[in-house]
Amino acid sequence: MSKLLPTFRIVALLEGVSYILLLFIATPLKYFANDPQYVKLLGMPHGLLFIAYVVIAVLISKDMQWNNRTLWIVLLASIIPFGTFYIDKKYLKTVNA
C-alpha cells in the first residue's frame, strides 16, 4: 500500500467537493445572478486540488498496481461530477479494509 494513499483520499474528497460547489453553485450564481465572486473564490483552490489529484494518482499508480486502464479511469473521474467519490469507494476504500 502506498504511503500517499491517505493523502490521495483526502485530496480526492476535497477535489470532488470543490468541483461540485464550483459547478452547481458558483457557476449558476455567476451567470444567473451576475455574481462572479464565488467562481473567483473557488476557482484557484479547485485548480490546485485538481493538479494535486492528478499528480498523486500518477505517483501511487505503481504502488497500487493499477494497470493503464485503471489509471485512466481514476484520472477521468476527476472531470466527472461525483467521479472522485466513486473512485474512493471502488478503488481506494477497499484497500484499507
C-alpha atoms as a PDB file:
ATOM      1  CA  MET A   1       0.000   0.000   0.000  1.00  0.00           C
ATOM      2  CA  SER A   2       1.246   3.450  -0.860  1.00  0.00           C
ATOM      3  CA  LYS A   3       2.187   5.919   1.861  1.00  0.00           C
ATOM      4  CA  LEU A   4       0.416   8.591  -0.186  1.00  0.00           C
ATOM      5  CA  LEU A   5      -2.927   6.772  -0.176  1.00  0.00           C
ATOM      6  CA  PRO A   6      -4.425   8.608   2.851  1.00  0.00           C
ATOM      7  CA  THR A   7      -3.322  11.927   1.348  1.00  0.00           C
ATOM      8  CA  PHE A   8      -4.779  10.956  -2.020  1.00  0.00           C
ATOM      9  CA  ARG A   9      -8.125  10.057  -0.432  1.00  0.00           C
ATOM     10  CA  ILE A  10      -8.289  13.463   1.276  1.00  0.00           C
ATOM     11  CA  VAL A  11      -7.308  15.302  -1.909  1.00  0.00           C
ATOM     12  CA  ALA A  12      -9.873  13.289  -3.894  1.00  0.00           C
ATOM     13  CA  LEU A  13     -12.622  14.193  -1.427  1.00  0.00           C
ATOM     14  CA  LEU A  14     -11.715  17.881  -1.398  1.00  0.00           C
ATOM     15  CA  GLU A  15     -11.342  17.986  -5.186  1.00  0.00           C
ATOM     16  CA  GLY A  16     -14.751  16.374  -5.625  1.00  0.00           C
ATOM     17  CA  VAL A  17     -16.446  18.753  -3.191  1.00  0.00           C
ATOM     18  CA  SER A  18     -14.784  21.816  -4.713  1.00  0.00           C
ATOM     19  CA  TYR A  19     -15.811  20.690  -8.213  1.00  0.00           C
ATOM     20  CA  ILE A  20     -19.430  20.199  -7.178  1.00  0.00           C
ATOM     21  CA  LEU A  21     -19.522  23.586  -5.427  1.00  0.00           C
ATOM     22  CA  LEU A  22     -17.964  25.259  -8.444  1.00  0.00           C
ATOM     23  CA  LEU A  23     -20.182  23.514 -10.970  1.00  0.00           C
ATOM     24  CA  PHE A  24     -23.551  23.574  -9.229  1.00  0.00           C
ATOM     25  CA  ILE A  25     -23.387  26.671  -7.018  1.00  0.00           C
ATOM     26  CA  ALA A  26     -20.701  29.128  -8.103  1.00  0.00           C
ATOM     27  CA  THR A  27     -21.213  28.910 -11.868  1.00  0.00           C
ATOM     28  CA  PRO A  28     -25.012  29.292 -11.770  1.00  0.00           C
ATOM     29  CA  LEU A  29     -24.598  32.266  -9.426  1.00  0.00           C
ATOM     30  CA  LYS A  30     -22.140  33.784 -11.860  1.00  0.00           C
ATOM     31  CA  TYR A  31     -24.437  33.515 -14.866  1.00  0.00           C
ATOM     32  CA  PHE A  32     -27.914  33.820 -13.349  1.00  0.00           C
ATOM     33  CA  ALA A  33     -27.227  36.315 -10.549  1.00  0.00           C
ATOM     34  CA  ASN A  34     -24.331  38.172 -12.191  1.00  0.00           C
ATOM     35  CA  ASP A  35     -22.156  37.387  -9.163  1.00  0.00           C
ATOM     36  CA  PRO A  36     -18.724  36.041 -10.204  1.00  0.00           C
ATOM     37  CA  GLN A  37     -17.157  36.288  -6.735  1.00  0.00           C
ATOM     38  CA  TYR A  38     -17.797  32.620  -5.872  1.00  0.00           C
ATOM     39  CA  VAL A  39     -16.150  31.386  -9.053  1.00  0.00           C
ATOM     40  CA  LYS A  40     -13.130  33.542  -8.240  1.00  0.00           C
ATOM     41  CA  LEU A  41     -13.152  32.263  -4.669  1.00  0.00           C
ATOM     42  CA  LEU A  42     -13.432  28.559  -5.549  1.00  0.00           C
ATOM     43  CA  GLY A  43     -11.556  28.509  -8.853  1.00  0.00           C
ATOM     44  CA  MET A  44      -7.970  28.616  -7.633  1.00  0.00           C
ATOM     45  CA  PRO A  45      -8.361  26.071  -4.786  1.00  0.00           C
ATOM     46  CA  HIS A  46     -10.177  23.703  -7.138  1.00  0.00           C
ATOM     47  CA  GLY A  47      -7.431  24.061  -9.747  1.00  0.00           C
ATOM     48  CA  LEU A  48      -4.723  23.294  -7.205  1.00  0.00           C
ATOM     49  CA  LEU A  49      -6.663  20.305  -5.865  1.00  0.00           C
ATOM     50  CA  PHE A  50      -7.193  19.027  -9.417  1.00  0.00           C
ATOM     51  CA  ILE A  51      -3.463  19.217 -10.152  1.00  0.00           C
ATOM     52  CA  ALA A  52      -2.647  17.524  -6.828  1.00  0.00           C
ATOM     53  CA  TYR A  53      -5.183  14.766  -7.606  1.00  0.00           C
ATOM     54  CA  VAL A  54      -3.630  14.036 -10.991  1.00  0.00           C
ATOM     55  CA  VAL A  55      -0.027  14.126  -9.726  1.00  0.00           C
ATOM     56  CA  ILE A  56      -0.695  11.903  -6.703  1.00  0.00           C
ATOM     57  CA  ALA A  57      -2.739   9.459  -8.807  1.00  0.00           C
ATOM     58  CA  VAL A  58       0.184   9.023 -11.182  1.00  0.00           C
ATOM     59  CA  LEU A  59       2.634   8.686  -8.283  1.00  0.00           C
ATOM     60  CA  ILE A  60       0.657   5.988  -6.461  1.00  0.00           C
ATOM     61  CA  SER A  61      -0.403   4.036  -9.547  1.00  0.00           C
ATOM     62  CA  LYS A  62       2.598   1.677  -9.420  1.00  0.00           C
ATOM     63  CA  ASP A  63       2.330   1.061  -5.671  1.00  0.00           C
ATOM     64  CA  MET A  64      -1.389   0.344  -6.059  1.00  0.00           C
ATOM     65  CA  GLN A  65      -0.596  -1.966  -9.014  1.00  0.00           C
ATOM     66  CA  TRP A  66      -3.018  -0.168 -11.299  1.00  0.00           C
ATOM     67  CA  ASN A  67      -2.835  -1.048 -14.966  1.00  0.00           C
ATOM     68  CA  ASN A  68      -3.078   1.751 -17.537  1.00  0.00           C
ATOM     69  CA  ARG A  69      -6.837   1.330 -17.876  1.00  0.00           C
ATOM     70  CA  THR A  70      -7.412   1.751 -14.146  1.00  0.00           C
ATOM     71  CA  LEU A  71      -5.138   4.789 -14.027  1.00  0.00           C
ATOM     72  CA  TRP A  72      -7.078   6.404 -16.888  1.00  0.00           C
ATOM     73  CA  ILE A  73     -10.369   5.685 -15.108  1.00  0.00           C
ATOM     74  CA  VAL A  74      -9.021   7.318 -11.939  1.00  0.00           C
ATOM     75  CA  LEU A  75      -7.805  10.334 -13.918  1.00  0.00           C
ATOM     76  CA  LEU A  76     -11.011  10.716 -15.943  1.00  0.00           C
ATOM     77  CA  ALA A  77     -13.082  10.569 -12.762  1.00  0.00           C
ATOM     78  CA  SER A  78     -11.643  13.932 -11.755  1.00  0.00           C
ATOM     79  CA  ILE A  79     -13.525  15.672 -14.584  1.00  0.00           C
ATOM     80  CA  ILE A  80     -16.853  13.923 -13.996  1.00  0.00           C
ATOM     81  CA  PRO A  81     -19.069  15.312 -11.228  1.00  0.00           C
ATOM     82  CA  PHE A  82     -19.094  12.891  -8.273  1.00  0.00           C
ATOM     83  CA  GLY A  83     -16.402  10.825 -10.037  1.00  0.00           C
ATOM     84  CA  THR A  84     -13.835  11.112  -7.262  1.00  0.00           C
ATOM     85  CA  PHE A  85     -16.364   9.717  -4.771  1.00  0.00           C
ATOM     86  CA  TYR A  86     -16.854   6.677  -6.998  1.00  0.00           C
ATOM     87  CA  ILE A  87     -13.089   6.173  -7.223  1.00  0.00           C
ATOM     88  CA  ASP A  88     -12.743   6.349  -3.463  1.00  0.00           C
ATOM     89  CA  LYS A  89     -15.432   3.714  -2.964  1.00  0.00           C
ATOM     90  CA  LYS A  90     -14.381   1.389  -5.787  1.00  0.00           C
ATOM     91  CA  TYR A  91     -10.562   1.607  -5.838  1.00  0.00           C
ATOM     92  CA  LEU A  92      -9.355   3.195  -2.610  1.00  0.00           C
ATOM     93  CA  LYS A  93     -11.623   2.303   0.300  1.00  0.00           C
ATOM     94  CA  THR A  94     -11.325  -1.452  -0.250  1.00  0.00           C
ATOM     95  CA  VAL A  95      -7.538  -1.163   0.150  1.00  0.00           C
ATOM     96  CA  ASN A  96      -7.886  -0.016   3.772  1.00  0.00           C
ATOM     97  CA  ALA A  97     -10.405  -2.722   4.714  1.00  0.00           C
END
